[in-house]
Amino acid sequence: MSDKKPYGDDQLKILYTQEQIEETIGALGKKISADYAGLDLILVGVLRGSIYFLVDLTRKMHIPFAIDFISISHYSEQADSTGVVRITKDLDLSIADKHVLVVEDIVDTGLSLGYLLRNLKSRDPASLKVCTLVNVEARRIVEVPVDYKGFDAPNVFVVGYGLDYNEKFRNLQFIAQFDRP
């Protein structure tokens, strides 16, 4: 971990640098390309946080694939504790008999991802796996599979590289601990 580095805010402490992220995504792209070679793959990006990760991941993959997006929203601010979610943007592509890789920015409690995986599994994909850039095992409430992960993060609030606080900080090129006000 690096020292505090202001990015318009002295509440940021860098956990993963741009270079570490690029190296990690390169390794993930290589592994996913090898594992899915010759298969009919659909990458499902979970909006909005996964966009930066998904774009860079696809640039490191060397196999054919399709991309689609899904968006989940919580009914209340207590979603972390209740797990009540709804789909606000559904897939445009059929995933039946396709190999599906869900691409997430972060997996923490597992509540939203658990809901999403149950929903997608009901659509009869050939396989269904998860790739996340940040995994926070210490916050897990619902056990969910994480087949590909970039970083095992400590139990802190993180921003950057798609991760946000009130829709801010997504554009940081690093991932930082954010001490919320």
C-alpha atoms as a PDB file:
ATOM      1  CA  MET A   1       0.000   0.000   0.000  1.00  0.00           C
ATOM      2  CA  SER A   2       1.163   3.480  -0.827  1.00  0.00           C
ATOM      3  CA  ASP A   3       0.944   6.671   1.151  1.00  0.00           C
ATOM      4  CA  LYS A   4      -2.036   8.972   0.904  1.00  0.00           C
ATOM      5  CA  LYS A   5      -2.247  10.623  -2.496  1.00  0.00           C
ATOM      6  CA  PRO A   6      -4.715  13.442  -2.963  1.00  0.00           C
ATOM      7  CA  TYR A   7      -6.892  13.355  -6.040  1.00  0.00           C
ATOM      8  CA  GLY A   8      -8.884  16.391  -5.186  1.00  0.00           C
ATOM      9  CA  ASP A   9      -9.511  14.692  -1.872  1.00  0.00           C
ATOM     10  CA  ASP A  10      -7.202  13.904   1.046  1.00  0.00           C
ATOM     11  CA  GLN A  11      -9.447  10.997   2.052  1.00  0.00           C
ATOM     12  CA  LEU A  12      -7.835   8.625  -0.485  1.00  0.00           C
ATOM     13  CA  LYS A  13      -5.155   6.050   0.236  1.00  0.00           C
ATOM     14  CA  ILE A  14      -3.967   4.080  -2.809  1.00  0.00           C
ATOM     15  CA  LEU A  15      -4.343   0.313  -2.458  1.00  0.00           C
ATOM     16  CA  TYR A  16      -3.643  -0.758  -6.055  1.00  0.00           C
ATOM     17  CA  THR A  17      -1.728   1.361  -8.548  1.00  0.00           C
ATOM     18  CA  GLN A  18      -2.518   1.748 -12.231  1.00  0.00           C
ATOM     19  CA  GLU A  19       0.459  -0.493 -13.021  1.00  0.00           C
ATOM     20  CA  GLN A  20      -0.735  -3.228 -10.632  1.00  0.00           C
ATOM     21  CA  ILE A  21      -4.216  -3.083 -12.144  1.00  0.00           C
ATOM     22  CA  GLU A  22      -2.884  -3.325 -15.714  1.00  0.00           C
ATOM     23  CA  GLU A  23      -0.694  -6.308 -14.818  1.00  0.00           C
ATOM     24  CA  THR A  24      -3.526  -8.080 -13.027  1.00  0.00           C
ATOM     25  CA  ILE A  25      -5.998  -7.519 -15.859  1.00  0.00           C
ATOM     26  CA  GLY A  26      -3.436  -8.799 -18.357  1.00  0.00           C
ATOM     27  CA  ALA A  27      -3.094 -12.038 -16.394  1.00  0.00           C
ATOM     28  CA  LEU A  28      -6.881 -12.393 -16.100  1.00  0.00           C
ATOM     29  CA  GLY A  29      -7.336 -11.820 -19.847  1.00  0.00           C
ATOM     30  CA  LYS A  30      -4.753 -14.475 -20.646  1.00  0.00           C
ATOM     31  CA  LYS A  31      -6.333 -17.017 -18.262  1.00  0.00           C
ATOM     32  CA  ILE A  32      -9.889 -16.373 -19.473  1.00  0.00           C
ATOM     33  CA  SER A  33      -8.752 -16.614 -23.118  1.00  0.00           C
ATOM     34  CA  ALA A  34      -7.174 -19.998 -22.425  1.00  0.00           C
ATOM     35  CA  ASP A  35     -10.154 -21.298 -20.449  1.00  0.00           C
ATOM     36  CA  TYR A  36     -12.766 -20.231 -23.019  1.00  0.00           C
ATOM     37  CA  ALA A  37     -10.868 -20.977 -26.234  1.00  0.00           C
ATOM     38  CA  GLY A  38     -13.250 -22.517 -28.779  1.00  0.00           C
ATOM     39  CA  LEU A  39     -16.376 -21.817 -26.689  1.00  0.00           C
ATOM     40  CA  ASP A  40     -19.317 -19.513 -27.406  1.00  0.00           C
ATOM     41  CA  LEU A  41     -18.654 -16.857 -24.742  1.00  0.00           C
ATOM     42  CA  ILE A  42     -20.784 -13.909 -23.649  1.00  0.00           C
ATOM     43  CA  LEU A  43     -19.301 -11.395 -21.224  1.00  0.00           C
ATOM     44  CA  VAL A  44     -22.018  -9.817 -19.084  1.00  0.00           C
ATOM     45  CA  GLY A  45     -20.903  -6.517 -17.600  1.00  0.00           C
ATOM     46  CA  VAL A  46     -22.740  -5.398 -14.491  1.00  0.00           C
ATOM     47  CA  LEU A  47     -23.441  -1.696 -14.882  1.00  0.00           C
ATOM     48  CA  ARG A  48     -22.066   0.801 -14.061  1.00  0.00           C
ATOM     49  CA  GLY A  49     -18.992  -0.094 -12.091  1.00  0.00           C
ATOM     50  CA  SER A  50     -17.672  -2.842 -14.339  1.00  0.00           C
ATOM     51  CA  ILE A  51     -17.263  -0.691 -17.456  1.00  0.00           C
ATOM     52  CA  TYR A  52     -13.617   0.321 -16.968  1.00  0.00           C
ATOM     53  CA  PHE A  53     -12.615  -3.206 -15.974  1.00  0.00           C
ATOM     54  CA  LEU A  54     -14.613  -4.870 -18.753  1.00  0.00           C
ATOM     55  CA  VAL A  55     -13.167  -2.663 -21.493  1.00  0.00           C
ATOM     56  CA  ASP A  56      -9.575  -3.221 -20.386  1.00  0.00           C
ATOM     57  CA  LEU A  57     -10.163  -6.944 -19.805  1.00  0.00           C
ATOM     58  CA  THR A  58     -11.488  -7.425 -23.349  1.00  0.00           C
ATOM     59  CA  ARG A  59      -8.410  -5.721 -24.752  1.00  0.00           C
ATOM     60  CA  LYS A  60      -6.311  -8.436 -23.093  1.00  0.00           C
ATOM     61  CA  MET A  61      -8.428 -11.315 -24.393  1.00  0.00           C
ATOM     62  CA  HIS A  62      -7.523 -13.067 -27.634  1.00  0.00           C
ATOM     63  CA  ILE A  63     -10.649 -15.103 -28.367  1.00  0.00           C
ATOM     64  CA  PRO A  64     -14.040 -14.283 -29.925  1.00  0.00           C
ATOM     65  CA  PHE A  65     -16.794 -13.201 -27.518  1.00  0.00           C
ATOM     66  CA  ALA A  66     -19.977 -11.168 -27.329  1.00  0.00           C
ATOM     67  CA  ILE A  67     -20.651  -8.446 -24.768  1.00  0.00           C
ATOM     68  CA  ASP A  68     -23.917  -7.555 -23.088  1.00  0.00           C
ATOM     69  CA  PHE A  69     -24.836  -5.504 -20.028  1.00  0.00           C
ATOM     70  CA  ILE A  70     -27.210  -5.854 -17.115  1.00  0.00           C
ATOM     71  CA  SER A  71     -27.986  -3.366 -14.385  1.00  0.00           C
ATOM     72  CA  ILE A  72     -29.265  -4.050 -10.895  1.00  0.00           C
ATOM     73  CA  SER A  73     -30.686  -1.497  -8.519  1.00  0.00           C
ATOM     74  CA  HIS A  74     -31.536  -1.754  -4.858  1.00  0.00           C
ATOM     75  CA  TYR A  75     -35.046  -0.965  -3.660  1.00  0.00           C
ATOM     76  CA  SER A  76     -33.756   0.767  -0.553  1.00  0.00           C
ATOM     77  CA  GLU A  77     -30.582   2.129   0.958  1.00  0.00           C
ATOM     78  CA  GLN A  78     -30.533  -0.882   3.278  1.00  0.00           C
ATOM     79  CA  ALA A  79     -29.876  -3.238   0.363  1.00  0.00           C
ATOM     80  CA  ASP A  80     -26.620  -4.372   1.923  1.00  0.00           C
ATOM     81  CA  SER A  81     -28.580  -5.857   4.781  1.00  0.00           C
ATOM     82  CA  THR A  82     -31.836  -6.821   3.041  1.00  0.00           C
ATOM     83  CA  GLY A  83     -30.608  -7.986  -0.345  1.00  0.00           C
ATOM     84  CA  VAL A  84     -33.730  -6.609  -2.067  1.00  0.00           C
ATOM     85  CA  VAL A  85     -32.729  -5.880  -5.655  1.00  0.00           C
ATOM     86  CA  ARG A  86     -34.313  -5.538  -9.081  1.00  0.00           C
ATOM     87  CA  ILE A  87     -33.061  -5.609 -12.651  1.00  0.00           C
ATOM     88  CA  THR A  88     -33.218  -2.127 -14.179  1.00  0.00           C
ATOM     89  CA  LYS A  89     -31.574  -3.003 -17.520  1.00  0.00           C
ATOM     90  CA  ASP A  90     -31.835  -6.557 -18.766  1.00  0.00           C
ATOM     91  CA  LEU A  91     -29.714  -8.401 -21.285  1.00  0.00           C
ATOM     92  CA  ASP A  92     -30.367  -7.895 -24.982  1.00  0.00           C
ATOM     93  CA  LEU A  93     -28.808 -11.225 -25.977  1.00  0.00           C
ATOM     94  CA  SER A  94     -30.072 -14.702 -25.206  1.00  0.00           C
ATOM     95  CA  ILE A  95     -27.638 -16.605 -23.007  1.00  0.00           C
ATOM     96  CA  ALA A  96     -29.281 -20.012 -23.476  1.00  0.00           C
ATOM     97  CA  ASP A  97     -26.628 -22.634 -24.256  1.00  0.00           C
ATOM     98  CA  LYS A  98     -23.877 -19.983 -24.151  1.00  0.00           C
ATOM     99  CA  HIS A  99     -20.923 -19.783 -21.791  1.00  0.00           C
ATOM    100  CA  VAL A 100     -21.520 -16.714 -19.635  1.00  0.00           C
ATOM    101  CA  LEU A 101     -18.889 -14.815 -17.690  1.00  0.00           C
ATOM    102  CA  VAL A 102     -20.334 -12.156 -15.384  1.00  0.00           C
ATOM    103  CA  VAL A 103     -17.866  -9.281 -15.036  1.00  0.00           C
ATOM    104  CA  GLU A 104     -18.135  -7.301 -11.790  1.00  0.00           C
ATOM    105  CA  ASP A 105     -16.125  -4.421 -10.395  1.00  0.00           C
ATOM    106  CA  ILE A 106     -16.407  -5.694  -6.798  1.00  0.00           C
ATOM    107  CA  VAL A 107     -17.886  -8.635  -4.936  1.00  0.00           C
ATOM    108  CA  ASP A 108     -18.395  -7.944  -1.256  1.00  0.00           C
ATOM    109  CA  THR A 109     -21.562  -9.110   0.561  1.00  0.00           C
ATOM    110  CA  GLY A 110     -22.585 -11.343  -2.338  1.00  0.00           C
ATOM    111  CA  LEU A 111     -26.251 -10.382  -1.969  1.00  0.00           C
ATOM    112  CA  SER A 112     -26.645  -8.642  -5.345  1.00  0.00           C
ATOM    113  CA  LEU A 113     -24.431 -11.118  -7.166  1.00  0.00           C
ATOM    114  CA  GLY A 114     -26.299 -14.053  -5.630  1.00  0.00           C
ATOM    115  CA  TYR A 115     -29.582 -12.627  -6.937  1.00  0.00           C
ATOM    116  CA  LEU A 116     -28.080 -11.994 -10.359  1.00  0.00           C
ATOM    117  CA  LEU A 117     -26.612 -15.493 -10.643  1.00  0.00           C
ATOM    118  CA  ARG A 118     -29.932 -17.124  -9.705  1.00  0.00           C
ATOM    119  CA  ASN A 119     -31.672 -15.017 -12.345  1.00  0.00           C
ATOM    120  CA  LEU A 120     -29.126 -15.787 -15.064  1.00  0.00           C
ATOM    121  CA  LYS A 121     -29.007 -19.508 -14.222  1.00  0.00           C
ATOM    122  CA  SER A 122     -32.754 -19.722 -14.882  1.00  0.00           C
ATOM    123  CA  ARG A 123     -32.002 -18.741 -18.504  1.00  0.00           C
ATOM    124  CA  ASP A 124     -30.145 -22.037 -19.144  1.00  0.00           C
ATOM    125  CA  PRO A 125     -26.596 -20.945 -19.995  1.00  0.00           C
ATOM    126  CA  ALA A 126     -24.097 -23.694 -20.860  1.00  0.00           C
ATOM    127  CA  SER A 127     -21.964 -22.386 -17.986  1.00  0.00           C
ATOM    128  CA  LEU A 128     -22.057 -19.418 -15.646  1.00  0.00           C
ATOM    129  CA  LYS A 129     -18.958 -18.008 -13.969  1.00  0.00           C
ATOM    130  CA  VAL A 130     -17.887 -14.783 -12.277  1.00  0.00           C
ATOM    131  CA  CYS A 131     -14.904 -12.498 -12.802  1.00  0.00           C
ATOM    132  CA  THR A 132     -14.329  -9.588 -10.418  1.00  0.00           C
ATOM    133  CA  LEU A 133     -11.600  -7.028 -10.148  1.00  0.00           C
ATOM    134  CA  VAL A 134     -11.975  -6.626  -6.374  1.00  0.00           C
ATOM    135  CA  ASN A 135     -13.008  -9.376  -3.978  1.00  0.00           C
ATOM    136  CA  VAL A 136     -13.784  -8.497  -0.341  1.00  0.00           C
ATOM    137  CA  GLU A 137     -14.225 -11.878   1.315  1.00  0.00           C
ATOM    138  CA  ALA A 138     -14.457 -10.336   4.804  1.00  0.00           C
ATOM    139  CA  ARG A 139     -17.811  -8.729   3.898  1.00  0.00           C
ATOM    140  CA  ARG A 140     -19.389 -11.875   2.429  1.00  0.00           C
ATOM    141  CA  ILE A 141     -22.886 -12.635   3.708  1.00  0.00           C
ATOM    142  CA  VAL A 142     -23.997 -14.898   0.855  1.00  0.00           C
ATOM    143  CA  GLU A 143     -21.582 -17.479  -0.495  1.00  0.00           C
ATOM    144  CA  VAL A 144     -21.104 -16.836  -4.212  1.00  0.00           C
ATOM    145  CA  PRO A 145     -18.586 -18.332  -6.623  1.00  0.00           C
ATOM    146  CA  VAL A 146     -15.758 -16.069  -7.741  1.00  0.00           C
ATOM    147  CA  ASP A 147     -13.958 -17.918 -10.511  1.00  0.00           C
ATOM    148  CA  TYR A 148     -11.577 -15.137 -11.565  1.00  0.00           C
ATOM    149  CA  LYS A 149     -10.450 -12.346  -9.265  1.00  0.00           C
ATOM    150  CA  GLY A 150      -7.994  -9.545  -9.525  1.00  0.00           C
ATOM    151  CA  PHE A 151      -7.404  -8.458  -5.940  1.00  0.00           C
ATOM    152  CA  ASP A 152      -8.409  -9.715  -2.511  1.00  0.00           C
ATOM    153  CA  ALA A 153      -9.050  -6.405  -0.806  1.00  0.00           C
ATOM    154  CA  PRO A 154      -9.188  -5.624   2.902  1.00  0.00           C
ATOM    155  CA  ASN A 155     -12.511  -4.757   4.513  1.00  0.00           C
ATOM    156  CA  VAL A 156     -12.401  -1.045   3.627  1.00  0.00           C
ATOM    157  CA  PHE A 157     -14.474   1.162   1.340  1.00  0.00           C
ATOM    158  CA  VAL A 158     -12.782   1.473  -2.056  1.00  0.00           C
ATOM    159  CA  VAL A 159     -13.140   3.830  -5.017  1.00  0.00           C
ATOM    160  CA  GLY A 160     -11.541   4.214  -8.398  1.00  0.00           C
ATOM    161  CA  TYR A 161     -11.349   2.266 -11.612  1.00  0.00           C
ATOM    162  CA  GLY A 162     -15.145   2.111 -11.851  1.00  0.00           C
ATOM    163  CA  LEU A 163     -15.835   1.905  -8.125  1.00  0.00           C
ATOM    164  CA  ASP A 164     -17.635   4.939  -6.804  1.00  0.00           C
ATOM    165  CA  TYR A 165     -18.845   6.904  -3.827  1.00  0.00           C
ATOM    166  CA  ASN A 166     -22.078   8.732  -4.699  1.00  0.00           C
ATOM    167  CA  GLU A 167     -21.199   8.341  -8.409  1.00  0.00           C
ATOM    168  CA  LYS A 168     -17.820  10.057  -7.932  1.00  0.00           C
ATOM    169  CA  PHE A 169     -14.247   8.726  -8.216  1.00  0.00           C
ATOM    170  CA  ARG A 170     -15.033   6.108 -10.903  1.00  0.00           C
ATOM    171  CA  ASN A 171     -12.481   7.705 -13.240  1.00  0.00           C
ATOM    172  CA  LEU A 172      -9.475   7.244 -10.948  1.00  0.00           C
ATOM    173  CA  GLN A 173      -6.850   5.117 -12.666  1.00  0.00           C
ATOM    174  CA  PHE A 174      -6.002   3.436  -9.369  1.00  0.00           C
ATOM    175  CA  ILE A 175      -8.055   1.858  -6.583  1.00  0.00           C
ATOM    176  CA  ALA A 176      -7.990   3.633  -3.263  1.00  0.00           C
ATOM    177  CA  GLN A 177      -9.354   3.290   0.211  1.00  0.00           C
ATOM    178  CA  PHE A 178     -11.843   6.090   0.760  1.00  0.00           C
ATOM    179  CA  ASP A 179     -12.560   7.338   4.226  1.00  0.00           C
ATOM    180  CA  ARG A 180     -16.167   8.410   3.828  1.00  0.00           C
ATOM    181  CA  PRO A 181     -17.187  11.639   5.536  1.00  0.00           C
END
